[in-house]
Amino acid sequence: MKEQTQKRLIKIIYGFIILTIFLTFCFFGNFQIFRDFITKIENNSFDLRQSVISKHKKIDNDIVILALDDATYEYIMDKYGYWPISRKVWANVVNNIEKQNPKSVIFDMLFIKPNLTDIDSDNIFIETVKKHPNIYLSMSFDNYDDVIRQSSELKEDLMLKVVDGGLYDNQYITFKNSRRVMKNLEDITNNIGAINVTRDTDGIIRDATPVFRYKDLYYPNLTLKVAMDLLDKKALIIKNNTIIIDKKHKIPLDETQRAVLNWYGKAYSYNHIPLWQTLEAIKNNDTKFFEQFKNKNIYIGTTAMSMGDIKSTPVEYNMSGVEFNCTFLNNILKNDFIKKTPPIFDFLISIILMVIIGYYVLKTDDVIKTISFSILAMMFYGALSIILMLLFNLWVPVVLPFVSCVIIFIIIYCQKYLLKSKDYEQTYQLAVTDGLTNLYNHRYFQEQMIINVNNFKRYNIPFSLILIDIDFFKKFNDKYGHQSGDIVLKQVANILKKNSRTSDIVCRYGGEEMAIILTNTVKKDAIITANKICNAVSSYKFILADSKKVNVTISIGVSSVEKDGKTPQDIIEYADKCLYRAKEQGRNQVVSEV
């Protein structure tokens, strides 16, 4: 009967511990700093999982990059002598690519202002864009003040048609100003979308923003605009934090209304075709070269480090912005976005793991077995989280469950194995500590004197002794009362501890006398410490029971091993003689020689 009651009590305690941990997480979850910390570590775990699974993912070979790489920049500066290049050159490049009937030609660069010194080239480029309906241009949103750039209405045809649902304003999707393409281009095409990129707080880009809000209207990301045209969709639905393009293509959104991307490897995973090679092929009339653009989605953008469009992603710290956009398009066409589990799932999985690990630790006495089981359980869950992300695009939490497992293990382990040692430690502490001052007591002082003398004899480790006596303490008690006397003793004790090293042993020697054993300290250093303590006490304003402030002084005697004695008793007697001499000479001073 007693055993059953004990088991029942253990189960109640165990359940209470799990409930306490759960409520603790709920409480700390109200603090932004705690949420930010958990989010940061969870994001790092996502990066690790993506680094593993990206090696097993295949890119869409219909997506290629016409790259303005470092070699191209050098080539252009050598051949043309300036950057950016004339828009006539872009028109020539596009016209040669269009002969291969590409699915889309997407400029991941901004054509904002006309080139007033080369209007003819601008016109040629405008005519090229007008002639080919599969060319897409970039704009961007920002929050510049109207004083810097007057915000303006975008033409209605650029708006995203949302037939049902919507999004709420937040810092990731809502903007108050825009950098538009130059007016002559905007007038002849509706194939324009925003290329804004937002980083997480650690500077890593994990998400894409599919839809933007500007002047309370919706506008598409450039890549979303391309994808909708490729899928022949003119409008979409936004419901339950999901963008629905059609039945097969949906974009799940996280709490920031951005889409978490799956990544397909490090930089240069997509086919990169350098622009300089393209220009050379045009120059040499190499039509075969352009066959690699046939039926492709072609992103034209910067990959050169010197041009600054470099991003940090979960799988690569130096990835170009154009590769990011390729990854976004790849996710849309393959319906391959990451889906985050809801926050409640974090708590449920944490509770399940806590129950499993906690129960095993509670039932098993073998320490090695409990540690091994706990580590294996967390490793299994970690491996499962990678498999779920690889096979089902699910981002299940790992940080909160792991933290919960560690906490439950530590708590139950402490309950089982540390309570006895804690009781022993408390008993020992009471045995060696003075109840009033919380300094070590006289018995502990004598033990440490013997230990330090033996250390000197065996290892030649010096030590010194300081004996302290509060001046006129009996008169003080008679005048102010014993309660105030006790308060002074406590405050003097605190001053001694504050002005001593952690390795020094501060003790109450008896009555108003205190002592400090200065380990590994020669006499001249002990004298310096003694004078510092003496000055600290004399300059301190002691607050008594009636809030009255008074000054108190102390007398100090100093001795050291070998020079003043080779036994504990000899060293104590010499310090006591020095203390007596200090009192004879007027008190409030340090004496080290008699």
Protein backbone atom coordinates (compact mmCIF):
# COMPACT_ATOMS: atom_id res chain seq x y z
CA MET A 1 0.00 0.00 0.00
CA LYS A 2 2.85 2.35 0.92
CA GLU A 3 4.66 1.54 -2.36
CA GLN A 4 1.53 2.30 -4.41
CA THR A 5 1.11 5.63 -2.63
CA GLN A 6 4.75 6.46 -3.34
CA LYS A 7 4.36 5.61 -7.04
CA ARG A 8 1.22 7.71 -7.22
CA LEU A 9 3.06 10.61 -5.59
CA ILE A 10 5.93 10.30 -8.06
CA LYS A 11 3.50 10.42 -10.99
CA ILE A 12 1.84 13.52 -9.54
CA ILE A 13 5.21 15.23 -9.07
CA TYR A 14 6.25 14.19 -12.59
CA GLY A 15 3.05 15.58 -14.11
CA PHE A 16 3.47 18.77 -12.09
CA ILE A 17 7.01 19.22 -13.43
CA ILE A 18 5.84 18.88 -17.05
CA LEU A 19 2.96 21.27 -16.43
CA THR A 20 5.32 23.75 -14.79
CA ILE A 21 7.70 23.64 -17.76
CA PHE A 22 4.78 24.10 -20.15
CA LEU A 23 3.44 27.09 -18.20
CA THR A 24 6.96 28.53 -17.95
CA PHE A 25 7.31 28.45 -21.74
CA CYS A 26 3.88 30.05 -22.05
CA PHE A 27 4.93 32.78 -19.64
CA PHE A 28 8.26 33.51 -21.33
CA GLY A 29 6.51 33.33 -24.69
CA ASN A 30 4.95 36.69 -23.80
CA PHE A 31 8.39 38.31 -23.92
CA GLN A 32 9.73 39.38 -27.30
CA ILE A 33 13.35 38.72 -26.31
CA PHE A 34 12.53 35.08 -25.52
CA ARG A 35 10.61 34.63 -28.79
CA ASP A 36 13.45 36.23 -30.73
CA PHE A 37 15.99 33.92 -29.11
CA ILE A 38 13.97 30.79 -29.88
CA THR A 39 13.30 32.03 -33.44
CA LYS A 40 16.99 32.71 -34.05
CA ILE A 41 18.09 29.23 -32.95
CA GLU A 42 15.18 27.62 -34.83
CA ASN A 43 16.18 29.49 -37.98
CA ASN A 44 19.72 28.18 -37.61
CA SER A 45 18.34 24.65 -37.32
CA PHE A 46 16.36 25.29 -40.53
CA ASP A 47 19.57 26.36 -42.28
CA LEU A 48 21.28 23.16 -41.15
CA ARG A 49 18.43 20.99 -42.41
CA GLN A 50 18.33 22.85 -45.72
CA SER A 51 22.07 22.32 -46.14
CA VAL A 52 21.45 18.59 -45.79
CA ILE A 53 18.36 18.21 -47.99
CA SER A 54 19.34 20.71 -50.72
CA LYS A 55 21.89 18.15 -51.98
CA HIS A 56 19.00 15.81 -52.77
CA LYS A 57 16.81 18.36 -54.56
CA LYS A 58 16.79 18.92 -58.32
CA ILE A 59 16.55 22.29 -59.96
CA ASP A 60 14.21 23.10 -62.84
CA ASN A 61 16.45 22.91 -65.91
CA ASP A 62 14.09 25.29 -67.75
CA ILE A 63 15.42 28.12 -65.57
CA VAL A 64 18.72 29.68 -66.69
CA ILE A 65 20.63 32.82 -65.76
CA LEU A 66 22.16 35.27 -68.19
CA ALA A 67 24.79 36.48 -65.76
CA LEU A 68 26.54 39.81 -65.41
CA ASP A 69 29.46 38.19 -63.64
CA ASP A 70 32.86 39.65 -62.74
CA ALA A 71 34.36 38.59 -66.05
CA THR A 72 31.51 40.29 -67.91
CA TYR A 73 32.06 43.53 -66.00
CA GLU A 74 35.73 43.51 -66.96
CA TYR A 75 34.81 42.64 -70.57
CA ILE A 76 32.30 45.53 -70.77
CA MET A 77 34.71 48.06 -69.29
CA ASP A 78 37.36 46.91 -71.77
CA LYS A 79 35.08 46.91 -74.84
CA TYR A 80 32.71 49.78 -74.08
CA GLY A 81 34.57 51.78 -71.47
CA TYR A 82 31.58 52.50 -69.23
CA TRP A 83 28.90 50.93 -67.07
CA PRO A 84 25.95 50.51 -67.31
CA ILE A 85 26.01 49.48 -70.94
CA SER A 86 23.81 51.08 -73.56
CA ARG A 87 20.23 49.79 -73.68
CA LYS A 88 20.78 49.22 -77.38
CA VAL A 89 23.11 46.37 -76.35
CA TRP A 90 20.33 44.87 -74.21
CA ALA A 91 17.94 45.14 -77.12
CA ASN A 92 20.41 43.30 -79.33
CA VAL A 93 20.89 40.55 -76.73
CA VAL A 94 17.15 40.11 -76.23
CA ASN A 95 16.39 40.01 -79.97
CA ASN A 96 18.93 37.21 -80.48
CA ILE A 97 17.55 35.26 -77.50
CA GLU A 98 13.96 35.67 -78.72
CA LYS A 99 14.81 33.76 -81.90
CA GLN A 100 14.86 30.65 -79.68
CA ASN A 101 11.30 31.23 -78.42
CA PRO A 102 12.08 31.40 -74.71
CA LYS A 103 9.18 31.10 -72.29
CA SER A 104 10.16 34.33 -70.55
CA VAL A 105 12.98 36.87 -70.42
CA ILE A 106 13.12 38.44 -66.96
CA PHE A 107 15.25 41.47 -66.15
CA ASP A 108 16.32 41.31 -62.51
CA MET A 109 17.56 44.90 -62.75
CA LEU A 110 15.95 48.31 -62.70
CA PHE A 111 15.45 50.59 -65.68
CA ILE A 112 14.45 53.70 -63.74
CA LYS A 113 15.57 56.77 -65.66
CA PRO A 114 16.04 57.49 -69.36
CA ASN A 115 19.58 57.94 -70.64
CA LEU A 116 19.44 61.57 -71.77
CA THR A 117 22.74 61.25 -73.63
CA ASP A 118 21.57 58.22 -75.62
CA ILE A 119 17.82 58.54 -76.22
CA ASP A 120 18.05 56.53 -79.45
CA SER A 121 19.29 53.47 -77.55
CA ASP A 122 16.44 53.85 -75.05
CA ASN A 123 13.94 53.93 -77.90
CA ILE A 124 15.41 50.82 -79.48
CA PHE A 125 15.11 48.98 -76.14
CA ILE A 126 11.51 50.22 -75.67
CA GLU A 127 10.57 48.93 -79.11
CA THR A 128 12.15 45.57 -78.30
CA VAL A 129 10.13 45.26 -75.08
CA LYS A 130 6.99 46.27 -76.94
CA LYS A 131 7.61 43.66 -79.64
CA HIS A 132 8.09 40.71 -77.24
CA PRO A 133 5.26 40.11 -74.73
CA ASN A 134 7.36 37.61 -72.74
CA ILE A 135 9.80 40.27 -71.45
CA TYR A 136 9.45 41.19 -67.77
CA LEU A 137 10.82 44.28 -66.02
CA SER A 138 11.57 45.07 -62.39
CA MET A 139 10.45 47.78 -60.02
CA SER A 140 10.82 48.04 -56.25
CA PHE A 141 9.07 49.44 -53.21
CA ASP A 142 10.59 51.34 -50.28
CA ASN A 143 9.67 53.72 -47.49
CA TYR A 144 11.46 56.85 -48.66
CA ASP A 145 9.92 60.12 -47.56
CA ASP A 146 8.06 62.14 -50.18
CA VAL A 147 10.68 64.87 -49.78
CA ILE A 148 13.24 62.51 -51.32
CA ARG A 149 10.98 60.97 -53.94
CA GLN A 150 7.34 61.87 -54.51
CA SER A 151 5.24 58.72 -54.18
CA SER A 152 2.84 58.22 -57.07
CA GLU A 153 -0.01 56.04 -58.16
CA LEU A 154 0.94 53.03 -60.25
CA LYS A 155 -1.14 52.30 -63.28
CA GLU A 156 -4.09 50.04 -62.67
CA ASP A 157 -2.89 47.27 -65.02
CA LEU A 158 0.09 46.59 -62.73
CA MET A 159 -2.16 45.67 -59.82
CA LEU A 160 -2.52 42.08 -58.71
CA LYS A 161 -6.04 40.77 -59.05
CA VAL A 162 -7.13 39.06 -55.83
CA VAL A 163 -10.63 37.64 -56.27
CA ASP A 164 -11.03 36.47 -52.68
CA GLY A 165 -9.29 37.06 -49.35
CA GLY A 166 -6.38 39.36 -48.57
CA LEU A 167 -3.38 40.22 -46.40
CA TYR A 168 -2.86 42.52 -43.44
CA ASP A 169 -0.30 45.32 -43.31
CA ASN A 170 3.12 44.59 -41.85
CA GLN A 171 6.71 45.76 -42.29
CA TYR A 172 7.57 42.96 -44.71
CA ILE A 173 4.87 43.59 -47.30
CA THR A 174 3.66 47.18 -46.83
CA PHE A 175 5.48 50.17 -48.36
CA LYS A 176 4.75 53.85 -48.90
CA ASN A 177 6.95 54.68 -51.90
CA SER A 178 8.05 53.04 -55.16
CA ARG A 179 10.89 53.05 -57.68
CA ARG A 180 9.06 52.70 -60.97
CA VAL A 181 10.45 51.75 -64.34
CA MET A 182 10.84 54.71 -66.65
CA LYS A 183 7.52 55.99 -67.96
CA ASN A 184 8.07 55.05 -71.64
CA LEU A 185 8.54 51.42 -70.61
CA GLU A 186 5.62 51.42 -68.17
CA ASP A 187 3.37 52.77 -70.91
CA ILE A 188 4.01 49.86 -73.28
CA THR A 189 4.03 46.81 -70.95
CA ASN A 190 2.19 45.41 -67.94
CA ASN A 191 4.86 42.77 -67.31
CA ILE A 192 6.27 44.58 -64.30
CA GLY A 193 6.73 43.27 -60.76
CA ALA A 194 8.61 44.14 -57.58
CA ILE A 195 11.95 42.54 -56.68
CA ASN A 196 12.15 43.53 -52.99
CA VAL A 197 14.04 41.12 -50.76
CA THR A 198 13.67 41.08 -46.96
CA ARG A 199 16.14 39.49 -44.59
CA ASP A 200 15.54 37.92 -41.21
CA THR A 201 17.07 39.60 -38.16
CA ASP A 202 20.29 37.57 -38.56
CA GLY A 203 20.75 38.84 -42.13
CA ILE A 204 19.82 35.53 -43.78
CA ILE A 205 17.18 35.41 -46.53
CA ARG A 206 14.88 32.43 -46.00
CA ASP A 207 11.61 33.87 -47.30
CA ALA A 208 10.26 35.50 -50.43
CA THR A 209 7.51 38.12 -50.39
CA PRO A 210 4.99 37.10 -53.09
CA VAL A 211 2.58 40.05 -52.68
CA PHE A 212 3.15 43.67 -51.71
CA ARG A 213 0.77 46.34 -50.40
CA TYR A 214 1.18 49.83 -51.77
CA LYS A 215 -1.40 52.57 -51.22
CA ASP A 216 -3.81 49.88 -49.93
CA LEU A 217 -3.58 47.93 -53.20
CA TYR A 218 -1.86 44.62 -54.03
CA TYR A 219 1.08 44.30 -56.41
CA PRO A 220 2.90 41.08 -57.37
CA ASN A 221 6.46 40.06 -56.88
CA LEU A 222 8.14 39.93 -60.31
CA THR A 223 8.59 36.17 -60.04
CA LEU A 224 4.96 35.63 -59.00
CA LYS A 225 3.92 37.69 -62.04
CA VAL A 226 6.04 35.46 -64.31
CA ALA A 227 4.70 32.27 -62.73
CA MET A 228 1.05 33.35 -63.09
CA ASP A 229 1.59 34.05 -66.78
CA LEU A 230 3.35 30.73 -67.28
CA LEU A 231 0.38 29.02 -65.60
CA ASP A 232 -2.05 31.23 -67.55
CA LYS A 233 -3.66 32.67 -64.40
CA LYS A 234 -4.94 36.24 -64.27
CA ALA A 235 -6.02 36.33 -60.63
CA LEU A 236 -5.49 34.47 -57.37
CA ILE A 237 -7.07 33.78 -54.00
CA ILE A 238 -5.52 34.53 -50.59
CA LYS A 239 -7.14 32.47 -47.82
CA ASN A 240 -6.04 30.88 -44.55
CA ASN A 241 -2.59 32.43 -44.94
CA THR A 242 -2.17 30.71 -48.31
CA ILE A 243 -1.90 32.17 -51.81
CA ILE A 244 -3.85 29.95 -54.20
CA ILE A 245 -2.82 30.28 -57.84
CA ASP A 246 -4.65 27.12 -58.89
CA LYS A 247 -5.39 23.70 -57.41
CA LYS A 248 -1.85 22.47 -58.00
CA HIS A 249 0.06 25.63 -57.15
CA LYS A 250 -0.28 27.13 -53.68
CA ILE A 251 2.05 29.32 -51.69
CA PRO A 252 1.84 28.81 -47.90
CA LEU A 253 2.71 31.94 -45.92
CA ASP A 254 4.33 32.21 -42.50
CA GLU A 255 3.30 34.62 -39.75
CA THR A 256 5.02 37.49 -41.62
CA GLN A 257 2.99 36.69 -44.78
CA ARG A 258 6.13 35.63 -46.60
CA ALA A 259 6.83 32.28 -48.23
CA VAL A 260 9.57 30.05 -46.78
CA LEU A 261 11.67 28.76 -49.67
CA ASN A 262 13.12 25.36 -50.37
CA TRP A 263 16.67 25.70 -51.63
CA TYR A 264 18.30 23.70 -54.38
CA GLY A 265 21.98 23.90 -53.58
CA LYS A 266 24.72 26.47 -53.29
CA ALA A 267 25.53 29.32 -55.64
CA TYR A 268 25.77 28.47 -59.35
CA SER A 269 23.40 25.51 -59.07
CA TYR A 270 21.40 26.97 -61.96
CA ASN A 271 22.89 27.14 -65.44
CA HIS A 272 24.82 30.41 -65.62
CA ILE A 273 25.53 31.81 -69.07
CA PRO A 274 27.95 34.76 -68.86
CA LEU A 275 26.82 37.87 -70.71
CA TRP A 276 30.26 38.37 -72.21
CA GLN A 277 29.98 35.00 -73.98
CA THR A 278 26.58 36.05 -75.31
CA LEU A 279 28.02 39.30 -76.64
CA GLU A 280 30.85 37.40 -78.28
CA ALA A 281 28.36 34.98 -79.86
CA ILE A 282 26.42 37.94 -81.31
CA LYS A 283 29.66 39.42 -82.60
CA ASN A 284 30.64 36.12 -84.25
CA ASN A 285 27.10 35.34 -85.45
CA ASP A 286 27.22 32.07 -83.47
CA THR A 287 23.57 30.98 -83.74
CA LYS A 288 24.27 27.59 -82.14
CA PHE A 289 25.28 29.32 -78.91
CA PHE A 290 21.75 30.69 -78.50
CA GLU A 291 20.13 27.25 -78.65
CA GLN A 292 20.72 26.92 -74.90
CA PHE A 293 18.05 29.61 -74.42
CA LYS A 294 15.39 27.63 -76.30
CA ASN A 295 12.10 27.29 -74.37
CA LYS A 296 13.77 28.52 -71.18
CA ASN A 297 12.83 30.97 -68.46
CA ILE A 298 15.78 33.36 -68.61
CA TYR A 299 16.68 35.60 -65.68
CA ILE A 300 19.04 38.43 -66.56
CA GLY A 301 20.85 39.70 -63.50
CA THR A 302 24.04 40.49 -61.63
CA THR A 303 26.19 37.76 -60.10
CA ALA A 304 29.36 39.86 -59.80
CA MET A 305 30.55 40.35 -56.22
CA SER A 306 31.69 43.86 -57.13
CA MET A 307 28.14 44.93 -58.03
CA GLY A 308 26.76 44.28 -54.57
CA ASP A 309 23.64 42.20 -55.31
CA ILE A 310 24.81 39.37 -53.05
CA LYS A 311 22.58 37.66 -50.47
CA SER A 312 23.12 35.28 -47.57
CA THR A 313 20.84 32.23 -47.71
CA PRO A 314 20.50 29.07 -45.61
CA VAL A 315 22.74 27.13 -48.03
CA GLU A 316 25.15 29.82 -49.22
CA TYR A 317 26.50 33.01 -47.67
CA ASN A 318 27.28 34.56 -51.04
CA MET A 319 24.39 33.97 -53.43
CA SER A 320 23.33 36.48 -56.06
CA GLY A 321 19.89 38.08 -55.97
CA VAL A 322 19.06 36.63 -59.39
CA GLU A 323 19.65 33.11 -58.05
CA PHE A 324 17.25 33.89 -55.22
CA ASN A 325 14.57 34.80 -57.77
CA CYS A 326 15.28 31.61 -59.72
CA THR A 327 14.78 29.65 -56.50
CA PHE A 328 11.46 31.43 -55.89
CA LEU A 329 10.22 30.58 -59.41
CA ASN A 330 11.42 27.00 -58.94
CA ASN A 331 9.38 26.75 -55.73
CA ILE A 332 6.23 28.07 -57.42
CA LEU A 333 6.42 25.83 -60.51
CA LYS A 334 7.21 22.70 -58.45
CA ASN A 335 4.78 23.66 -55.66
CA ASP A 336 7.75 23.11 -53.37
CA PHE A 337 7.43 25.66 -50.56
CA ILE A 338 8.23 24.90 -46.94
CA LYS A 339 5.22 24.70 -44.62
CA LYS A 340 5.80 25.65 -40.99
CA THR A 341 3.84 23.78 -38.36
CA PRO A 342 1.65 26.00 -36.12
CA PRO A 343 3.03 27.14 -32.72
CA ILE A 344 0.75 24.74 -30.83
CA PHE A 345 2.64 21.90 -32.49
CA ASP A 346 5.83 23.12 -30.76
CA PHE A 347 4.20 22.62 -27.38
CA LEU A 348 2.56 19.30 -28.22
CA ILE A 349 5.73 17.69 -29.54
CA SER A 350 7.67 19.14 -26.60
CA ILE A 351 5.25 17.57 -24.13
CA ILE A 352 5.39 14.19 -25.92
CA LEU A 353 9.20 14.15 -25.86
CA MET A 354 9.25 15.29 -22.23
CA VAL A 355 6.90 12.46 -21.26
CA ILE A 356 8.98 9.84 -23.07
CA ILE A 357 12.38 10.99 -21.80
CA GLY A 358 11.15 11.96 -18.35
CA TYR A 359 9.44 8.61 -17.81
CA TYR A 360 12.56 6.68 -18.83
CA VAL A 361 14.85 8.79 -16.63
CA LEU A 362 12.43 8.43 -13.73
CA LYS A 363 12.29 4.64 -14.05
CA THR A 364 15.97 3.97 -14.78
CA ASP A 365 18.70 4.28 -12.17
CA ASP A 366 21.65 3.78 -14.53
CA VAL A 367 23.03 7.23 -15.35
CA ILE A 368 24.77 6.17 -18.57
CA LYS A 369 21.58 4.53 -19.84
CA THR A 370 19.44 7.59 -19.12
CA ILE A 371 21.90 9.96 -20.82
CA SER A 372 22.29 7.64 -23.82
CA PHE A 373 18.54 7.19 -24.19
CA SER A 374 17.91 10.95 -23.98
CA ILE A 375 20.58 11.74 -26.58
CA LEU A 376 19.33 9.00 -28.92
CA ALA A 377 15.72 10.19 -28.56
CA MET A 378 16.69 13.75 -29.51
CA MET A 379 18.90 12.50 -32.38
CA PHE A 380 16.01 10.40 -33.67
CA TYR A 381 13.68 13.39 -33.57
CA GLY A 382 16.31 15.57 -35.27
CA ALA A 383 16.70 13.01 -38.06
CA LEU A 384 12.91 12.78 -38.35
CA SER A 385 12.68 16.57 -38.75
CA ILE A 386 15.12 16.37 -41.70
CA ILE A 387 13.14 13.54 -43.33
CA LEU A 388 9.85 15.44 -42.93
CA MET A 389 11.38 18.51 -44.55
CA LEU A 390 12.85 16.46 -47.40
CA LEU A 391 9.78 14.34 -48.19
CA PHE A 392 6.88 16.56 -47.14
CA ASN A 393 8.36 20.10 -47.02
CA LEU A 394 7.39 20.33 -43.34
CA TRP A 395 9.33 22.55 -40.98
CA VAL A 396 8.75 20.98 -37.58
CA PRO A 397 10.31 22.68 -34.54
CA VAL A 398 13.45 21.30 -32.93
CA VAL A 399 14.67 23.99 -30.54
CA LEU A 400 11.76 24.08 -28.10
CA PRO A 401 11.46 20.26 -27.99
CA PHE A 402 15.21 19.89 -27.44
CA VAL A 403 15.26 22.55 -24.73
CA SER A 404 12.27 20.88 -23.07
CA CYS A 405 14.00 17.49 -23.13
CA VAL A 406 17.17 18.89 -21.59
CA ILE A 407 15.20 20.70 -18.89
CA ILE A 408 13.08 17.68 -17.95
CA PHE A 409 16.21 15.50 -17.85
CA ILE A 410 18.05 17.93 -15.59
CA ILE A 411 15.08 18.47 -13.28
CA ILE A 412 14.35 14.77 -12.78
CA TYR A 413 18.02 13.94 -12.51
CA CYS A 414 18.37 16.60 -9.82
CA GLN A 415 15.30 15.21 -8.08
CA LYS A 416 16.74 11.71 -8.03
CA TYR A 417 20.44 12.23 -7.48
CA LEU A 418 21.14 15.71 -6.15
CA LEU A 419 18.68 16.23 -3.32
CA LYS A 420 20.75 14.14 -0.91
CA SER A 421 23.96 15.91 -1.79
CA LYS A 422 22.16 19.24 -1.38
CA ASP A 423 21.03 18.24 2.11
CA TYR A 424 24.60 17.24 2.94
CA GLU A 425 25.92 20.52 1.56
CA GLN A 426 23.44 22.54 3.62
CA THR A 427 24.33 20.59 6.77
CA TYR A 428 28.04 21.11 6.14
CA GLN A 429 27.48 24.81 5.45
CA LEU A 430 25.67 25.24 8.75
CA ALA A 431 28.50 23.43 10.53
CA VAL A 432 31.25 25.72 9.21
CA THR A 433 29.42 29.07 8.98
CA ASP A 434 28.80 31.71 11.60
CA GLY A 435 25.07 32.32 11.84
CA LEU A 436 25.25 36.08 12.37
CA THR A 437 27.87 37.23 9.84
CA ASN A 438 27.71 34.33 7.36
CA LEU A 439 31.50 34.17 7.59
CA TYR A 440 33.31 30.91 8.22
CA ASN A 441 33.38 30.02 11.92
CA HIS A 442 36.31 29.50 14.29
CA ARG A 443 36.42 25.72 13.80
CA TYR A 444 36.69 26.10 10.01
CA PHE A 445 39.37 28.77 10.52
CA GLN A 446 41.51 26.35 12.57
CA GLU A 447 41.10 23.61 9.94
CA GLN A 448 42.17 25.97 7.14
CA MET A 449 45.20 27.17 9.10
CA ILE A 450 46.41 23.58 9.42
CA ILE A 451 45.78 22.94 5.70
CA ASN A 452 47.66 26.07 4.61
CA VAL A 453 50.63 25.31 6.90
CA ASN A 454 50.82 21.79 5.43
CA ASN A 455 50.64 23.19 1.88
CA PHE A 456 53.56 25.46 2.71
CA LYS A 457 55.61 22.58 4.09
CA ARG A 458 54.90 20.30 1.10
CA TYR A 459 54.67 22.71 -1.85
CA ASN A 460 56.23 25.91 -0.48
CA ILE A 461 52.96 27.81 -1.06
CA PRO A 462 53.03 30.96 1.11
CA PHE A 463 50.07 32.41 2.98
CA SER A 464 49.42 35.26 5.35
CA LEU A 465 46.98 35.97 8.18
CA ILE A 466 45.07 39.13 9.01
CA LEU A 467 43.48 39.47 12.46
CA ILE A 468 40.86 42.23 12.80
CA ASP A 469 39.27 43.72 15.88
CA ILE A 470 36.54 46.37 15.94
CA ASP A 471 37.73 49.33 18.02
CA PHE A 472 35.85 50.16 21.23
CA PHE A 473 33.16 47.60 20.39
CA LYS A 474 32.13 47.08 24.03
CA LYS A 475 31.55 50.81 24.47
CA PHE A 476 29.68 50.82 21.18
CA ASN A 477 27.32 48.09 22.44
CA ASP A 478 26.81 49.93 25.71
CA LYS A 479 25.94 53.14 23.85
CA TYR A 480 23.84 51.88 20.94
CA GLY A 481 22.70 48.45 22.09
CA HIS A 482 23.53 44.90 21.07
CA GLN A 483 21.12 44.97 18.12
CA SER A 484 23.11 47.80 16.54
CA GLY A 485 26.30 45.95 17.46
CA ASP A 486 25.11 42.91 15.51
CA ILE A 487 24.30 45.16 12.54
CA VAL A 488 27.84 46.58 12.60
CA LEU A 489 29.32 43.07 12.74
CA LYS A 490 27.35 42.09 9.65
CA GLN A 491 28.37 45.22 7.75
CA VAL A 492 32.04 44.82 8.67
CA ALA A 493 31.84 41.20 7.50
CA ASN A 494 30.45 42.36 4.15
CA ILE A 495 33.27 44.89 3.75
CA LEU A 496 35.84 42.18 4.44
CA LYS A 497 34.31 39.89 1.81
CA LYS A 498 34.09 42.67 -0.78
CA ASN A 499 37.73 43.58 -0.31
CA SER A 500 39.03 40.02 -0.37
CA ARG A 501 39.68 37.61 -3.19
CA THR A 502 37.44 34.61 -3.74
CA SER A 503 40.38 32.40 -2.78
CA ASP A 504 40.78 34.14 0.60
CA ILE A 505 39.11 32.63 3.66
CA VAL A 506 37.19 35.21 5.70
CA CYS A 507 36.20 34.01 9.18
CA ARG A 508 34.68 35.22 12.42
CA TYR A 509 37.40 34.51 14.95
CA GLY A 510 35.28 35.25 17.99
CA GLY A 511 33.21 38.12 19.42
CA GLU A 512 34.12 41.28 17.49
CA GLU A 513 37.32 39.69 16.10
CA MET A 514 37.56 38.45 12.53
CA ALA A 515 40.31 36.85 10.50
CA ILE A 516 41.31 36.46 6.88
CA ILE A 517 43.61 33.72 5.59
CA LEU A 518 45.18 35.06 2.40
CA THR A 519 46.19 32.02 0.38
CA ASN A 520 49.29 32.15 -1.84
CA THR A 521 50.11 35.62 -0.48
CA VAL A 522 53.38 36.98 0.88
CA LYS A 523 53.45 39.44 3.75
CA LYS A 524 53.99 42.65 1.77
CA ASP A 525 50.88 41.92 -0.31
CA ALA A 526 48.92 41.04 2.83
CA ILE A 527 49.85 44.45 4.31
CA ILE A 528 48.45 46.18 1.20
CA THR A 529 45.19 44.24 1.54
CA ALA A 530 45.02 45.00 5.27
CA ASN A 531 45.42 48.75 4.70
CA LYS A 532 42.75 48.67 1.99
CA ILE A 533 40.32 46.97 4.39
CA CYS A 534 41.19 49.35 7.22
CA ASN A 535 40.50 52.38 5.02
CA ALA A 536 37.31 50.84 3.62
CA VAL A 537 35.88 50.36 7.12
CA SER A 538 36.87 53.80 8.42
CA SER A 539 35.33 55.57 5.42
CA TYR A 540 32.09 53.58 5.51
CA LYS A 541 28.91 55.02 7.02
CA PHE A 542 27.35 52.32 9.17
CA ILE A 543 23.56 52.41 9.35
CA LEU A 544 22.18 51.31 12.72
CA ALA A 545 18.79 49.89 13.69
CA ASP A 546 17.33 53.38 14.20
CA SER A 547 18.72 54.49 10.77
CA LYS A 548 21.38 56.53 12.49
CA LYS A 549 24.71 56.66 10.64
CA VAL A 550 28.00 56.25 12.54
CA ASN A 551 31.68 55.69 11.83
CA VAL A 552 33.51 52.59 13.01
CA THR A 553 37.24 51.79 12.89
CA ILE A 554 39.21 48.58 13.14
CA SER A 555 42.70 47.56 14.22
CA ILE A 556 44.58 44.94 12.22
CA GLY A 557 47.51 42.65 12.86
CA VAL A 558 49.33 40.88 10.04
CA SER A 559 51.55 37.78 10.05
CA SER A 560 52.84 35.30 7.50
CA VAL A 561 54.06 31.74 7.43
CA GLU A 562 57.74 30.98 8.12
CA LYS A 563 58.73 34.59 8.73
CA ASP A 564 56.46 34.96 11.77
CA GLY A 565 55.87 31.33 12.66
CA LYS A 566 55.86 27.80 11.29
CA THR A 567 52.85 26.41 13.14
CA PRO A 568 49.24 27.64 13.10
CA GLN A 569 49.50 28.65 16.74
CA ASP A 570 52.73 30.66 16.23
CA ILE A 571 51.29 32.51 13.19
CA ILE A 572 48.07 33.35 15.09
CA GLU A 573 49.99 34.53 18.16
CA TYR A 574 52.21 36.83 16.09
CA ALA A 575 49.21 38.37 14.33
CA ASP A 576 47.53 38.80 17.72
CA LYS A 577 50.60 40.62 19.08
CA CYS A 578 50.57 42.93 16.05
CA LEU A 579 46.86 43.55 16.64
CA TYR A 580 47.56 44.42 20.30
CA ARG A 581 50.35 46.80 19.19
CA ALA A 582 47.91 48.49 16.75
CA LYS A 583 45.51 49.12 19.61
CA GLU A 584 48.29 50.46 21.82
CA GLN A 585 49.41 52.87 19.10
CA GLY A 586 45.98 54.47 18.79
CA ARG A 587 43.82 51.98 16.82
CA ASN A 588 42.47 52.37 13.25
CA GLN A 589 45.75 51.11 11.80
CA VAL A 590 47.66 48.10 10.51
CA VAL A 591 50.70 46.66 12.34
CA SER A 592 52.84 43.86 10.90
CA GLU A 593 55.96 43.92 13.06
CA VAL A 594 56.48 43.66 16.86
